[in-house]
Amino acid sequence: MSDSIYDVTIVGGGPVGMFASFYAGMHELKTQLIEALPQLGGQITALYPEKQIWDVAGKPGVLGQELITDLKKQMSIVKVDQKLGTKVTNVVKDADDWFTITTTQGISRSKTVVIALGNGAFTPRKLALNGVDELSVGKVNYFVKHKDDYANQRVAVLGGGNSAMDMALMLESVADKVYLIHRREEFRGLALTRSQLQASTVQLMTPYLPRTIEEQDNGSITMNLKKMRSDSEATLNVDKVLVNYGFTSNNAALTDWQLDLATDRHQIKVDSKMQTNIPGVYAIGDDNIYPGKTPLIATGFGEAPIAITDLAKKLYPDKRMATHSSSMHFDSK
């Protein structure tokens, strides 16, 4: 076991965990950030680095990877021990009310823990059509890592939420033609995105549901579409299919920890200070729940300072804590 005792251990290196670690460093707390993936950024880095994100204040649409790059620069200003490619396998509250953190790379101790795992492990909901598994590699995809992979292609996007609309609009500038197929007449999501979609060259095909899919000799993909509540059908031939039916996610890893966390629909219950039912353990971001919760990156960015400020005051009650950005002074160079 390492002799080092951290003031705070942040579990999860997505955007919210990254900002929390920066804010902890601003208060000169001894901080470690543990992330299971080999890189920071969570789902943004792994799934949609070129997707525009609209819920970050002061950023009028920022590419996912640009946001992560900016967060990394912000973190570099302060001292944070980053442990990437490291999975937390257990957290135990000890007799002294501190915590033993067991990971795949070793053991450490921490006075507090901030859980910032987002939705945990994520798996895209698959396209459930006969023959889809027999298609050539790359014909059906579930996320966009490089939009240039779709350049000069005819692309069918399946889905009706914000992410599906964003993907269709993102590919409009590089693809030869983009079709957006949804089983309902109306799309779910932000009104502004729906208006942009209506003004775009994306061809909307509603309310249609894919019934069959087949790869042709020339490598193109033919789908038969059934119009909902109708006997009408349509046939569409494209080069690639992009499925966005959402993701199934879970924080099953938490069940292996020796912490009896209170949950609601698999999300961690927290109070107004983001503290769980276990003193010293906080949860921020998409994996927590409280009345009025709105699952946005912006919300998580607001929860991080609340949690860090509360735990810092409890750890060092006699230390004066700067809570306003204008009263924080440091050398960004």
Protein backbone atom coordinates (compact mmCIF):
# COMPACT_ATOMS: atom_id res chain seq x y z
CA MET A 1 0.00 0.00 0.00
CA SER A 2 1.20 3.47 -0.86
CA ASP A 3 2.17 5.64 2.11
CA SER A 4 0.50 8.58 0.36
CA ILE A 5 -2.86 9.64 1.80
CA TYR A 6 -4.96 11.74 -0.53
CA ASP A 7 -7.42 14.40 0.53
CA VAL A 8 -9.73 13.35 -2.28
CA THR A 9 -9.92 10.53 -4.81
CA ILE A 10 -11.99 11.26 -7.90
CA VAL A 11 -13.19 8.11 -9.64
CA GLY A 12 -13.93 8.79 -13.29
CA GLY A 13 -12.02 10.83 -15.86
CA GLY A 14 -14.85 12.19 -17.98
CA PRO A 15 -15.37 15.95 -18.33
CA VAL A 16 -17.06 16.29 -14.92
CA GLY A 17 -14.35 14.28 -13.13
CA MET A 18 -11.68 16.31 -14.91
CA PHE A 19 -13.20 19.62 -13.79
CA ALA A 20 -13.63 18.32 -10.25
CA SER A 21 -9.94 17.38 -10.09
CA PHE A 22 -8.97 20.86 -11.32
CA TYR A 23 -11.19 22.51 -8.72
CA ALA A 24 -9.71 20.31 -5.98
CA GLY A 25 -6.25 21.34 -7.13
CA MET A 26 -7.30 24.99 -6.94
CA HIS A 27 -7.95 24.44 -3.24
CA GLU A 28 -4.52 22.75 -2.97
CA LEU A 29 -6.08 19.45 -1.93
CA LYS A 30 -3.92 16.37 -2.47
CA THR A 31 -5.85 14.78 -5.31
CA GLN A 32 -5.79 11.64 -7.40
CA LEU A 33 -7.94 11.02 -10.47
CA ILE A 34 -8.54 7.37 -11.40
CA GLU A 35 -9.88 6.44 -14.87
CA ALA A 36 -10.42 2.92 -16.22
CA LEU A 37 -9.87 3.94 -19.85
CA PRO A 38 -6.33 4.66 -21.09
CA GLN A 39 -7.23 8.28 -21.82
CA LEU A 40 -9.23 11.08 -20.25
CA GLY A 41 -12.56 12.23 -21.65
CA GLY A 42 -14.94 9.36 -20.98
CA GLN A 43 -17.71 8.85 -23.53
CA ILE A 44 -16.78 12.02 -25.42
CA THR A 45 -13.30 10.72 -26.29
CA ALA A 46 -14.42 7.13 -26.80
CA LEU A 47 -17.60 7.71 -28.80
CA TYR A 48 -18.03 11.17 -30.32
CA PRO A 49 -14.91 13.34 -30.28
CA GLU A 50 -16.09 15.27 -33.37
CA LYS A 51 -19.65 15.87 -32.18
CA GLN A 52 -20.59 19.40 -31.20
CA ILE A 53 -21.64 19.94 -27.58
CA TRP A 54 -24.05 22.77 -26.85
CA ASP A 55 -24.63 22.74 -23.08
CA VAL A 56 -21.32 24.26 -21.97
CA ALA A 57 -21.59 27.90 -20.93
CA GLY A 58 -19.53 30.30 -23.02
CA LYS A 59 -18.99 27.74 -25.79
CA PRO A 60 -21.34 28.31 -28.76
CA GLY A 61 -21.01 24.72 -29.90
CA VAL A 62 -17.70 23.03 -29.07
CA LEU A 63 -16.33 19.83 -30.58
CA GLY A 64 -16.07 17.08 -28.00
CA GLN A 65 -12.33 16.62 -28.41
CA GLU A 66 -11.74 20.38 -28.18
CA LEU A 67 -13.60 20.44 -24.87
CA ILE A 68 -11.47 17.59 -23.52
CA THR A 69 -8.29 19.31 -24.75
CA ASP A 70 -9.29 22.50 -22.93
CA LEU A 71 -10.05 20.55 -19.75
CA LYS A 72 -6.63 18.89 -19.94
CA LYS A 73 -4.98 22.31 -20.25
CA GLN A 74 -6.98 23.50 -17.26
CA MET A 75 -5.91 20.47 -15.21
CA SER A 76 -2.25 21.07 -16.08
CA ILE A 77 -2.33 24.28 -14.03
CA VAL A 78 -2.70 22.34 -10.77
CA LYS A 79 -1.22 19.24 -9.17
CA VAL A 80 -3.31 16.09 -9.76
CA ASP A 81 -2.03 12.51 -9.75
CA GLN A 82 -3.61 10.96 -12.85
CA LYS A 83 -3.93 7.18 -12.89
CA LEU A 84 -5.21 6.12 -16.32
CA GLY A 85 -5.98 2.61 -17.48
CA THR A 86 -6.73 1.84 -13.84
CA LYS A 87 -10.00 0.33 -12.60
CA VAL A 88 -11.22 0.80 -9.04
CA THR A 89 -12.17 -2.67 -7.78
CA ASN A 90 -13.08 -1.82 -4.19
CA VAL A 91 -13.60 1.09 -1.81
CA VAL A 92 -13.72 0.36 1.92
CA LYS A 93 -14.46 2.82 4.70
CA ASP A 94 -11.96 2.25 7.48
CA ALA A 95 -12.26 2.65 11.25
CA ASP A 96 -10.74 6.14 11.06
CA ASP A 97 -13.50 7.18 8.58
CA TRP A 98 -11.02 7.39 5.73
CA PHE A 99 -11.06 5.06 2.73
CA THR A 100 -8.90 2.31 1.29
CA ILE A 101 -8.99 2.41 -2.53
CA THR A 102 -8.11 -0.85 -4.25
CA THR A 103 -7.39 -0.71 -7.98
CA THR A 104 -5.95 -2.94 -10.69
CA GLN A 105 -2.67 -1.05 -10.24
CA GLY A 106 -2.38 -0.97 -6.46
CA ILE A 107 -3.84 0.35 -3.21
CA SER A 108 -4.00 3.86 -1.77
CA ARG A 109 -5.82 5.69 1.00
CA SER A 110 -8.03 8.74 0.73
CA LYS A 111 -9.88 10.96 3.19
CA THR A 112 -12.80 11.46 0.79
CA VAL A 113 -14.10 9.98 -2.46
CA VAL A 114 -15.92 11.68 -5.34
CA ILE A 115 -17.68 9.32 -7.75
CA ALA A 116 -17.82 10.79 -11.27
CA LEU A 117 -18.42 7.68 -13.34
CA GLY A 118 -21.15 9.14 -15.53
CA ASN A 119 -23.37 6.30 -16.68
CA GLY A 120 -20.64 3.75 -16.15
CA ALA A 121 -19.97 1.14 -18.79
CA PHE A 122 -21.82 1.98 -21.98
CA THR A 123 -23.01 -0.28 -24.79
CA PRO A 124 -24.90 0.94 -27.85
CA ARG A 125 -28.34 -0.50 -28.46
CA LYS A 126 -27.88 -2.72 -31.46
CA LEU A 127 -29.83 -2.70 -34.71
CA ALA A 128 -32.00 -5.80 -34.33
CA LEU A 129 -32.42 -6.92 -37.93
CA ASN A 130 -31.75 -10.32 -39.42
CA GLY A 131 -28.53 -10.37 -41.39
CA VAL A 132 -26.97 -7.30 -39.80
CA ASP A 133 -24.15 -9.40 -38.33
CA GLU A 134 -23.28 -10.73 -41.79
CA LEU A 135 -22.62 -7.28 -43.26
CA SER A 136 -19.06 -6.23 -44.03
CA VAL A 137 -17.11 -4.49 -41.29
CA GLY A 138 -17.81 -0.76 -41.17
CA LYS A 139 -21.14 -0.86 -42.99
CA VAL A 140 -23.17 -0.41 -39.77
CA ASN A 141 -21.72 1.84 -37.07
CA TYR A 142 -22.90 3.16 -33.72
CA PHE A 143 -20.78 6.27 -33.23
CA VAL A 144 -18.60 8.68 -35.20
CA LYS A 145 -14.94 9.03 -34.21
CA HIS A 146 -13.84 10.65 -37.49
CA LYS A 147 -16.47 12.26 -39.66
CA ASP A 148 -14.17 12.12 -42.69
CA ASP A 149 -14.79 8.36 -42.71
CA TYR A 150 -18.20 9.29 -44.13
CA ALA A 151 -16.94 11.71 -46.77
CA ASN A 152 -18.70 11.43 -50.14
CA GLN A 153 -20.88 8.61 -48.79
CA ARG A 154 -24.62 8.15 -48.71
CA VAL A 155 -25.42 7.72 -45.03
CA ALA A 156 -28.60 6.60 -43.26
CA VAL A 157 -28.83 7.73 -39.64
CA LEU A 158 -31.33 5.80 -37.51
CA GLY A 159 -32.76 7.45 -34.40
CA GLY A 160 -34.86 10.36 -33.19
CA GLY A 161 -33.07 11.97 -30.26
CA ASN A 162 -30.59 14.81 -29.91
CA SER A 163 -27.58 12.62 -30.68
CA ALA A 164 -29.11 11.23 -33.88
CA MET A 165 -30.00 14.73 -35.08
CA ASP A 166 -26.54 16.05 -34.16
CA MET A 167 -24.86 13.21 -36.06
CA ALA A 168 -26.97 13.82 -39.15
CA LEU A 169 -26.15 17.55 -39.10
CA MET A 170 -22.47 16.86 -38.44
CA LEU A 171 -22.20 14.54 -41.45
CA GLU A 172 -24.16 16.85 -43.76
CA SER A 173 -21.01 18.85 -44.55
CA VAL A 174 -18.94 15.83 -45.65
CA ALA A 175 -21.39 13.17 -46.85
CA ASP A 176 -22.83 13.01 -50.33
CA LYS A 177 -26.32 12.56 -48.85
CA VAL A 178 -27.68 12.05 -45.34
CA TYR A 179 -31.01 10.41 -44.52
CA LEU A 180 -32.48 10.52 -41.00
CA ILE A 181 -34.94 7.70 -40.31
CA HIS A 182 -37.22 7.79 -37.28
CA ARG A 183 -40.26 5.73 -36.37
CA ARG A 184 -42.20 8.77 -35.16
CA GLU A 185 -43.32 11.92 -36.96
CA GLU A 186 -41.68 14.20 -34.42
CA PHE A 187 -38.06 14.21 -33.27
CA ARG A 188 -37.12 14.41 -29.61
CA GLY A 189 -34.56 16.97 -28.50
CA LEU A 190 -33.74 20.64 -28.45
CA ALA A 191 -36.02 22.96 -30.42
CA LEU A 192 -32.99 24.73 -31.95
CA THR A 193 -31.58 21.43 -33.25
CA ARG A 194 -34.95 20.50 -34.75
CA SER A 195 -35.09 23.87 -36.51
CA GLN A 196 -31.56 23.40 -37.87
CA LEU A 197 -32.55 19.98 -39.10
CA GLN A 198 -35.59 21.34 -40.92
CA ALA A 199 -33.41 23.96 -42.64
CA SER A 200 -30.71 21.44 -43.63
CA THR A 201 -30.32 19.18 -46.66
CA VAL A 202 -30.78 16.10 -44.46
CA GLN A 203 -33.68 14.08 -45.89
CA LEU A 204 -36.13 13.18 -43.13
CA MET A 205 -37.88 9.83 -43.48
CA THR A 206 -40.68 9.61 -40.91
CA PRO A 207 -42.44 7.69 -39.55
CA TYR A 208 -40.47 4.71 -40.86
CA LEU A 209 -38.98 1.66 -39.21
CA PRO A 210 -36.28 -0.52 -40.86
CA ARG A 211 -37.55 -4.04 -41.56
CA THR A 212 -34.77 -5.66 -43.59
CA ILE A 213 -31.15 -4.91 -44.40
CA GLU A 214 -28.95 -6.46 -47.08
CA GLU A 215 -25.53 -5.84 -48.59
CA GLN A 216 -25.43 -5.70 -52.39
CA ASP A 217 -22.69 -7.05 -54.68
CA ASN A 218 -21.32 -3.53 -55.11
CA GLY A 219 -20.96 -3.10 -51.34
CA SER A 220 -23.93 -0.77 -50.90
CA ILE A 221 -26.62 -1.39 -48.28
CA THR A 222 -30.30 -1.74 -49.11
CA MET A 223 -32.90 -1.31 -46.41
CA ASN A 224 -36.60 -1.96 -46.62
CA LEU A 225 -38.55 0.53 -44.51
CA LYS A 226 -42.08 0.07 -43.17
CA LYS A 227 -44.21 3.16 -42.66
CA MET A 228 -45.76 3.08 -39.20
CA ARG A 229 -49.53 2.53 -38.99
CA SER A 230 -49.62 1.98 -42.73
CA ASP A 231 -49.12 -0.70 -45.35
CA SER A 232 -46.73 1.56 -47.26
CA GLU A 233 -43.07 0.61 -47.64
CA ALA A 234 -39.95 2.32 -48.97
CA THR A 235 -36.57 1.11 -50.15
CA LEU A 236 -33.37 2.99 -49.44
CA ASN A 237 -29.90 2.28 -50.80
CA VAL A 238 -26.91 3.81 -48.99
CA ASP A 239 -23.20 3.24 -48.42
CA LYS A 240 -23.22 3.24 -44.61
CA VAL A 241 -25.71 3.05 -41.77
CA LEU A 242 -25.22 4.93 -38.50
CA VAL A 243 -27.39 3.70 -35.63
CA ASN A 244 -28.20 5.92 -32.67
CA TYR A 245 -30.84 4.17 -30.61
CA GLY A 246 -29.14 5.21 -27.39
CA PHE A 247 -26.92 3.31 -25.00
CA THR A 248 -27.48 0.84 -22.22
CA SER A 249 -25.29 1.73 -19.30
CA ASN A 250 -24.62 0.55 -15.79
CA ASN A 251 -22.35 1.11 -12.86
CA ALA A 252 -22.10 -2.55 -12.00
CA ALA A 253 -18.57 -1.96 -10.70
CA LEU A 254 -20.05 -0.06 -7.76
CA THR A 255 -21.79 -3.21 -6.54
CA ASP A 256 -18.39 -4.79 -5.93
CA TRP A 257 -17.34 -1.97 -3.61
CA GLN A 258 -17.85 -2.40 0.11
CA LEU A 259 -20.01 0.71 0.27
CA ASP A 260 -23.75 0.46 0.83
CA LEU A 261 -24.73 3.41 -1.35
CA ALA A 262 -28.39 4.47 -1.44
CA THR A 263 -29.70 4.43 -5.02
CA ASP A 264 -32.79 5.30 -6.99
CA ARG A 265 -33.24 3.59 -10.37
CA HIS A 266 -29.57 2.62 -10.31
CA GLN A 267 -28.45 6.22 -9.71
CA ILE A 268 -26.73 7.34 -6.52
CA LYS A 269 -28.84 9.48 -4.18
CA VAL A 270 -27.15 12.69 -3.03
CA ASP A 271 -28.10 15.70 -0.94
CA SER A 272 -27.73 19.39 -1.84
CA LYS A 273 -23.95 19.16 -1.21
CA MET A 274 -23.64 16.12 -3.52
CA GLN A 275 -22.87 13.89 -0.55
CA THR A 276 -24.19 10.33 -0.55
CA ASN A 277 -25.63 8.53 2.45
CA ILE A 278 -22.04 7.65 3.41
CA PRO A 279 -20.16 10.59 4.95
CA GLY A 280 -17.09 11.41 2.92
CA VAL A 281 -18.43 9.93 -0.31
CA TYR A 282 -19.82 12.27 -2.97
CA ALA A 283 -21.33 11.65 -6.42
CA ILE A 284 -21.42 14.13 -9.29
CA GLY A 285 -22.47 14.00 -12.93
CA ASP A 286 -24.86 11.64 -14.64
CA ASP A 287 -24.64 8.88 -12.03
CA ASN A 288 -26.28 10.90 -9.23
CA ILE A 289 -29.93 11.73 -8.62
CA TYR A 290 -31.78 14.40 -6.63
CA PRO A 291 -35.03 16.36 -7.10
CA GLY A 292 -34.87 18.53 -10.21
CA LYS A 293 -31.75 16.84 -11.64
CA THR A 294 -31.07 17.66 -15.30
CA PRO A 295 -28.52 15.27 -16.85
CA LEU A 296 -26.27 17.71 -18.71
CA ILE A 297 -22.51 18.26 -18.76
CA ALA A 298 -23.21 21.79 -17.58
CA THR A 299 -25.04 20.43 -14.55
CA GLY A 300 -22.09 18.21 -13.65
CA PHE A 301 -19.73 21.17 -14.01
CA GLY A 302 -21.84 22.97 -11.39
CA GLU A 303 -22.00 19.97 -9.05
CA ALA A 304 -18.20 19.54 -8.98
CA PRO A 305 -17.43 22.80 -7.07
CA ILE A 306 -20.30 22.11 -4.67
CA ALA A 307 -18.88 18.71 -3.73
CA ILE A 308 -15.24 19.82 -3.59
CA THR A 309 -16.01 22.93 -1.52
CA ASP A 310 -18.06 20.93 0.98
CA LEU A 311 -15.46 18.20 1.48
CA ALA A 312 -12.64 20.76 1.68
CA LYS A 313 -14.42 22.67 4.44
CA LYS A 314 -14.99 19.47 6.37
CA LEU A 315 -11.37 18.37 5.98
CA TYR A 316 -9.92 21.77 6.86
CA PRO A 317 -12.55 23.72 8.84
CA ASP A 318 -10.03 26.34 9.93
CA LYS A 319 -8.70 27.00 6.45
CA ARG A 320 -10.17 29.92 4.56
CA MET A 321 -11.59 28.66 1.27
CA ALA A 322 -11.95 30.94 -1.75
CA THR A 323 -15.34 30.22 -3.26
CA HIS A 324 -15.55 32.96 -5.90
CA SER A 325 -13.46 32.79 -9.07
CA SER A 326 -12.46 36.42 -8.63
CA SER A 327 -10.86 35.62 -5.26
CA MET A 328 -8.76 32.72 -6.56
CA HIS A 329 -5.21 33.64 -7.52
CA PHE A 330 -2.69 31.36 -9.19
CA ASP A 331 -0.08 31.42 -11.91
CA SER A 332 -1.57 29.79 -15.03
CA LYS A 333 1.88 29.68 -16.65
